[in-house]
Amino acid sequence: MYGTKRVDIIPGARVCIVLKKDQRTGKLTEGIVKDILTKSPAHPHGIKVRLQSGEVGRVKSIVS
């Protein structure tokens, strides 16, 4: 599942995000959502979230 719709992402969900520093390489970081930072219902590059580890990035996929 893609991370472009805010409604699909809930705190506590396991997701793969791309950090700002990794946008060029596309390296993914996996973690659990703590906060949803994007206010709009959708974003073409992925909803921005903060993981429980404190890292911030855009959701590229939701791990089931």
PDB file of N, CA and C in Angstrom:
ATOM      1  N   MET A   1       0.846  -1.181   0.000  1.00  0.00           N
ATOM      2  CA  MET A   1       0.000   0.000   0.000  1.00  0.00           C
ATOM      3  C   MET A   1       0.889   1.241   0.000  1.00  0.00           C
ATOM      4  N   TYR A   2       0.493   2.222  -0.774  1.00  0.00           N
ATOM      5  CA  TYR A   2       1.270   3.455  -0.876  1.00  0.00           C
ATOM      6  C   TYR A   2       0.899   4.420   0.237  1.00  0.00           C
ATOM      7  N   GLY A   3       1.790   5.360   0.533  1.00  0.00           N
ATOM      8  CA  GLY A   3       1.588   6.293   1.636  1.00  0.00           C
ATOM      9  C   GLY A   3       1.198   7.682   1.202  1.00  0.00           C
ATOM     10  N   THR A   4       0.389   7.805   0.130  1.00  0.00           N
ATOM     11  CA  THR A   4       0.032   9.132  -0.372  1.00  0.00           C
ATOM     12  C   THR A   4      -1.279   9.665   0.194  1.00  0.00           C
ATOM     13  N   LYS A   5      -2.070   8.824   0.879  1.00  0.00           N
ATOM     14  CA  LYS A   5      -3.343   9.257   1.462  1.00  0.00           C
ATOM     15  C   LYS A   5      -3.240   9.238   2.986  1.00  0.00           C
ATOM     16  N   ARG A   6      -3.597  10.359   3.591  1.00  0.00           N
ATOM     17  CA  ARG A   6      -3.497  10.504   5.049  1.00  0.00           C
ATOM     18  C   ARG A   6      -4.392   9.504   5.781  1.00  0.00           C
ATOM     19  N   VAL A   7      -5.549   9.208   5.206  1.00  0.00           N
ATOM     20  CA  VAL A   7      -6.516   8.321   5.849  1.00  0.00           C
ATOM     21  C   VAL A   7      -5.974   6.895   6.011  1.00  0.00           C
ATOM     22  N   ASP A   8      -5.008   6.500   5.181  1.00  0.00           N
ATOM     23  CA  ASP A   8      -4.445   5.148   5.234  1.00  0.00           C
ATOM     24  C   ASP A   8      -3.412   4.979   6.346  1.00  0.00           C
ATOM     25  N   ILE A   9      -2.939   6.087   6.909  1.00  0.00           N
ATOM     26  CA  ILE A   9      -1.840   6.037   7.881  1.00  0.00           C
ATOM     27  C   ILE A   9      -2.372   6.367   9.271  1.00  0.00           C
ATOM     28  N   ILE A  10      -2.093   5.479  10.220  1.00  0.00           N
ATOM     29  CA  ILE A  10      -2.530   5.710  11.593  1.00  0.00           C
ATOM     30  C   ILE A  10      -1.326   5.585  12.523  1.00  0.00           C
ATOM     31  N   PRO A  11      -1.331   6.321  13.638  1.00  0.00           N
ATOM     32  CA  PRO A  11      -0.250   6.154  14.608  1.00  0.00           C
ATOM     33  C   PRO A  11      -0.190   4.697  15.074  1.00  0.00           C
ATOM     34  N   GLY A  12       1.013   4.157  15.151  1.00  0.00           N
ATOM     35  CA  GLY A  12       1.196   2.767  15.528  1.00  0.00           C
ATOM     36  C   GLY A  12       1.398   1.847  14.341  1.00  0.00           C
ATOM     37  N   ALA A  13       1.170   2.371  13.120  1.00  0.00           N
ATOM     38  CA  ALA A  13       1.358   1.552  11.920  1.00  0.00           C
ATOM     39  C   ALA A  13       2.840   1.432  11.586  1.00  0.00           C
ATOM     40  N   ARG A  14       3.235   0.278  11.054  1.00  0.00           N
ATOM     41  CA  ARG A  14       4.623   0.069  10.612  1.00  0.00           C
ATOM     42  C   ARG A  14       4.713   0.519   9.159  1.00  0.00           C
ATOM     43  N   VAL A  15       5.663   1.422   8.882  1.00  0.00           N
ATOM     44  CA  VAL A  15       5.802   2.008   7.549  1.00  0.00           C
ATOM     45  C   VAL A  15       7.265   2.062   7.123  1.00  0.00           C
ATOM     46  N   CYS A  16       7.475   2.255   5.836  1.00  0.00           N
ATOM     47  CA  CYS A  16       8.798   2.546   5.289  1.00  0.00           C
ATOM     48  C   CYS A  16       8.779   3.993   4.815  1.00  0.00           C
ATOM     49  N   ILE A  17       9.734   4.782   5.283  1.00  0.00           N
ATOM     50  CA  ILE A  17       9.800   6.190   4.898  1.00  0.00           C
ATOM     51  C   ILE A  17      11.135   6.476   4.223  1.00  0.00           C
ATOM     52  N   VAL A  18      11.165   7.586   3.491  1.00  0.00           N
ATOM     53  CA  VAL A  18      12.431   8.084   2.956  1.00  0.00           C
ATOM     54  C   VAL A  18      12.743   9.380   3.702  1.00  0.00           C
ATOM     55  N   LEU A  19      13.921   9.420   4.315  1.00  0.00           N
ATOM     56  CA  LEU A  19      14.358  10.606   5.053  1.00  0.00           C
ATOM     57  C   LEU A  19      14.804  11.677   4.070  1.00  0.00           C
ATOM     58  N   LYS A  20      14.809  12.930   4.503  1.00  0.00           N
ATOM     59  CA  LYS A  20      15.228  14.045   3.662  1.00  0.00           C
ATOM     60  C   LYS A  20      16.637  13.805   3.097  1.00  0.00           C
ATOM     61  N   LYS A  21      17.544  13.342   3.952  1.00  0.00           N
ATOM     62  CA  LYS A  21      18.927  13.117   3.519  1.00  0.00           C
ATOM     63  C   LYS A  21      19.056  11.970   2.523  1.00  0.00           C
ATOM     64  N   ASP A  22      18.051  11.083   2.470  1.00  0.00           N
ATOM     65  CA  ASP A  22      18.099   9.918   1.592  1.00  0.00           C
ATOM     66  C   ASP A  22      17.235  10.069   0.341  1.00  0.00           C
ATOM     67  N   GLN A  23      16.708  11.267   0.085  1.00  0.00           N
ATOM     68  CA  GLN A  23      15.815  11.446  -1.056  1.00  0.00           C
ATOM     69  C   GLN A  23      16.512  11.165  -2.388  1.00  0.00           C
ATOM     70  N   ARG A  24      17.783  11.508  -2.509  1.00  0.00           N
ATOM     71  CA  ARG A  24      18.505  11.260  -3.766  1.00  0.00           C
ATOM     72  C   ARG A  24      18.708   9.767  -4.027  1.00  0.00           C
ATOM     73  N   THR A  25      19.020   9.020  -2.969  1.00  0.00           N
ATOM     74  CA  THR A  25      19.294   7.593  -3.133  1.00  0.00           C
ATOM     75  C   THR A  25      18.028   6.754  -3.056  1.00  0.00           C
ATOM     76  N   GLY A  26      17.005   7.247  -2.366  1.00  0.00           N
ATOM     77  CA  GLY A  26      15.769   6.494  -2.209  1.00  0.00           C
ATOM     78  C   GLY A  26      15.843   5.432  -1.122  1.00  0.00           C
ATOM     79  N   LYS A  27      16.869   5.499  -0.266  1.00  0.00           N
ATOM     80  CA  LYS A  27      17.027   4.532   0.824  1.00  0.00           C
ATOM     81  C   LYS A  27      15.841   4.634   1.780  1.00  0.00           C
ATOM     82  N   LEU A  28      15.259   3.483   2.114  1.00  0.00           N
ATOM     83  CA  LEU A  28      14.087   3.458   2.980  1.00  0.00           C
ATOM     84  C   LEU A  28      14.472   3.147   4.417  1.00  0.00           C
ATOM     85  N   THR A  29      13.711   3.729   5.345  1.00  0.00           N
ATOM     86  CA  THR A  29      13.881   3.485   6.768  1.00  0.00           C
ATOM     87  C   THR A  29      12.553   2.965   7.294  1.00  0.00           C
ATOM     88  N   GLU A  30      12.588   1.833   8.003  1.00  0.00           N
ATOM     89  CA  GLU A  30      11.349   1.251   8.525  1.00  0.00           C
ATOM     90  C   GLU A  30      11.172   1.633   9.983  1.00  0.00           C
ATOM     91  N   GLY A  31       9.915   1.857  10.372  1.00  0.00           N
ATOM     92  CA  GLY A  31       9.634   2.201  11.749  1.00  0.00           C
ATOM     93  C   GLY A  31       8.145   2.283  12.013  1.00  0.00           C
ATOM     94  N   ILE A  32       7.803   2.695  13.214  1.00  0.00           N
ATOM     95  CA  ILE A  32       6.405   2.798  13.644  1.00  0.00           C
ATOM     96  C   ILE A  32       6.034   4.271  13.771  1.00  0.00           C
ATOM     97  N   VAL A  33       4.880   4.628  13.211  1.00  0.00           N
ATOM     98  CA  VAL A  33       4.411   6.019  13.181  1.00  0.00           C
ATOM     99  C   VAL A  33       4.068   6.500  14.581  1.00  0.00           C
ATOM    100  N   LYS A  34       4.644   7.643  14.946  1.00  0.00           N
ATOM    101  CA  LYS A  34       4.300   8.305  16.210  1.00  0.00           C
ATOM    102  C   LYS A  34       3.328   9.452  15.941  1.00  0.00           C
ATOM    103  N   ASP A  35       3.676  10.329  14.974  1.00  0.00           N
ATOM    104  CA  ASP A  35       2.843  11.490  14.643  1.00  0.00           C
ATOM    105  C   ASP A  35       2.718  11.619  13.134  1.00  0.00           C
ATOM    106  N   ILE A  36       1.550  12.093  12.692  1.00  0.00           N
ATOM    107  CA  ILE A  36       1.343  12.417  11.281  1.00  0.00           C
ATOM    108  C   ILE A  36       1.512  13.930  11.156  1.00  0.00           C
ATOM    109  N   LEU A  37       2.451  14.364  10.323  1.00  0.00           N
ATOM    110  CA  LEU A  37       2.787  15.784  10.236  1.00  0.00           C
ATOM    111  C   LEU A  37       2.087  16.502   9.085  1.00  0.00           C
ATOM    112  N   THR A  38       1.716  15.790   8.022  1.00  0.00           N
ATOM    113  CA  THR A  38       1.026  16.403   6.885  1.00  0.00           C
ATOM    114  C   THR A  38      -0.433  16.635   7.251  1.00  0.00           C
ATOM    115  N   LYS A  39      -0.916  17.850   7.040  1.00  0.00           N
ATOM    116  CA  LYS A  39      -2.304  18.192   7.379  1.00  0.00           C
ATOM    117  C   LYS A  39      -3.276  17.906   6.238  1.00  0.00           C
ATOM    118  N   SER A  40      -2.806  17.975   4.982  1.00  0.00           N
ATOM    119  CA  SER A  40      -3.695  17.770   3.840  1.00  0.00           C
ATOM    120  C   SER A  40      -4.078  16.289   3.722  1.00  0.00           C
ATOM    121  N   PRO A  41      -5.221  15.990   3.088  1.00  0.00           N
ATOM    122  CA  PRO A  41      -5.682  14.599   2.980  1.00  0.00           C
ATOM    123  C   PRO A  41      -4.815  13.720   2.078  1.00  0.00           C
ATOM    124  N   ALA A  42      -4.033  14.325   1.189  1.00  0.00           N
ATOM    125  CA  ALA A  42      -3.158  13.552   0.301  1.00  0.00           C
ATOM    126  C   ALA A  42      -1.944  14.388  -0.084  1.00  0.00           C
ATOM    127  N   HIS A  43      -0.860  13.688  -0.440  1.00  0.00           N
ATOM    128  CA  HIS A  43       0.352  14.361  -0.908  1.00  0.00           C
ATOM    129  C   HIS A  43       1.020  13.449  -1.920  1.00  0.00           C
ATOM    130  N   PRO A  44       1.367  13.958  -3.098  1.00  0.00           N
ATOM    131  CA  PRO A  44       1.899  13.101  -4.162  1.00  0.00           C
ATOM    132  C   PRO A  44       3.235  12.422  -3.832  1.00  0.00           C
ATOM    133  N   HIS A  45       4.033  12.998  -2.927  1.00  0.00           N
ATOM    134  CA  HIS A  45       5.328  12.413  -2.578  1.00  0.00           C
ATOM    135  C   HIS A  45       5.264  11.579  -1.309  1.00  0.00           C
ATOM    136  N   GLY A  46       4.089  11.481  -0.707  1.00  0.00           N
ATOM    137  CA  GLY A  46       3.924  10.707   0.524  1.00  0.00           C
ATOM    138  C   GLY A  46       3.621  11.604   1.711  1.00  0.00           C
ATOM    139  N   ILE A  47       2.870  11.068   2.644  1.00  0.00           N
ATOM    140  CA  ILE A  47       2.501  11.796   3.860  1.00  0.00           C
ATOM    141  C   ILE A  47       3.722  11.861   4.780  1.00  0.00           C
ATOM    142  N   LYS A  48       3.993  13.043   5.313  1.00  0.00           N
ATOM    143  CA  LYS A  48       5.145  13.217   6.196  1.00  0.00           C
ATOM    144  C   LYS A  48       4.759  12.769   7.607  1.00  0.00           C
ATOM    145  N   VAL A  49       5.614  11.925   8.204  1.00  0.00           N
ATOM    146  CA  VAL A  49       5.362  11.397   9.541  1.00  0.00           C
ATOM    147  C   VAL A  49       6.628  11.469  10.392  1.00  0.00           C
ATOM    148  N   ARG A  50       6.425  11.373  11.697  1.00  0.00           N
ATOM    149  CA  ARG A  50       7.530  11.218  12.651  1.00  0.00           C
ATOM    150  C   ARG A  50       7.423   9.807  13.206  1.00  0.00           C
ATOM    151  N   LEU A  51       8.531   9.074  13.162  1.00  0.00           N
ATOM    152  CA  LEU A  51       8.558   7.719  13.705  1.00  0.00           C
ATOM    153  C   LEU A  51       8.801   7.777  15.210  1.00  0.00           C
ATOM    154  N   GLN A  52       8.578   6.654  15.890  1.00  0.00           N
ATOM    155  CA  GLN A  52       8.834   6.584  17.327  1.00  0.00           C
ATOM    156  C   GLN A  52      10.302   6.830  17.639  1.00  0.00           C
ATOM    157  N   SER A  53      11.182   6.570  16.666  1.00  0.00           N
ATOM    158  CA  SER A  53      12.617   6.807  16.854  1.00  0.00           C
ATOM    159  C   SER A  53      12.974   8.286  16.741  1.00  0.00           C
ATOM    160  N   GLY A  54      12.001   9.120  16.308  1.00  0.00           N
ATOM    161  CA  GLY A  54      12.244  10.553  16.168  1.00  0.00           C
ATOM    162  C   GLY A  54      12.572  10.977  14.751  1.00  0.00           C
ATOM    163  N   GLU A  55      12.791  10.021  13.844  1.00  0.00           N
ATOM    164  CA  GLU A  55      13.121  10.347  12.456  1.00  0.00           C
ATOM    165  C   GLU A  55      11.863  10.834  11.730  1.00  0.00           C
ATOM    166  N   VAL A  56      12.064  11.803  10.813  1.00  0.00           N
ATOM    167  CA  VAL A  56      10.961  12.393  10.064  1.00  0.00           C
ATOM    168  C   VAL A  56      11.199  12.147   8.575  1.00  0.00           C
ATOM    169  N   GLY A  57      10.146  11.706   7.902  1.00  0.00           N
ATOM    170  CA  GLY A  57      10.258  11.481   6.467  1.00  0.00           C
ATOM    171  C   GLY A  57       8.897  11.237   5.848  1.00  0.00           C
ATOM    172  N   ARG A  58       8.899  11.001   4.542  1.00  0.00           N
ATOM    173  CA  ARG A  58       7.659  10.762   3.807  1.00  0.00           C
ATOM    174  C   ARG A  58       7.430   9.261   3.620  1.00  0.00           C
ATOM    175  N   VAL A  59       6.187   8.843   3.847  1.00  0.00           N
ATOM    176  CA  VAL A  59       5.826   7.432   3.755  1.00  0.00           C
ATOM    177  C   VAL A  59       5.859   6.989   2.296  1.00  0.00           C
ATOM    178  N   LYS A  60       6.603   5.928   2.021  1.00  0.00           N
ATOM    179  CA  LYS A  60       6.656   5.334   0.687  1.00  0.00           C
ATOM    180  C   LYS A  60       5.840   4.049   0.625  1.00  0.00           C
ATOM    181  N   SER A  61       5.711   3.333   1.737  1.00  0.00           N
ATOM    182  CA  SER A  61       4.875   2.149   1.770  1.00  0.00           C
ATOM    183  C   SER A  61       4.461   1.850   3.202  1.00  0.00           C
ATOM    184  N   ILE A  62       3.327   1.154   3.298  1.00  0.00           N
ATOM    185  CA  ILE A  62       2.815   0.724   4.590  1.00  0.00           C
ATOM    186  C   ILE A  62       3.073  -0.777   4.675  1.00  0.00           C
ATOM    187  N   VAL A  63       3.763  -1.208   5.723  1.00  0.00           N
ATOM    188  CA  VAL A  63       4.111  -2.611   5.884  1.00  0.00           C
ATOM    189  C   VAL A  63       2.938  -3.304   6.570  1.00  0.00           C
ATOM    190  N   SER A  64       2.465  -4.409   5.976  1.00  0.00           N
ATOM    191  CA  SER A  64       1.321  -5.092   6.577  1.00  0.00           C
ATOM    192  C   SER A  64       1.729  -6.167   7.556  1.00  0.00           C
TER     193      SER A  64
END
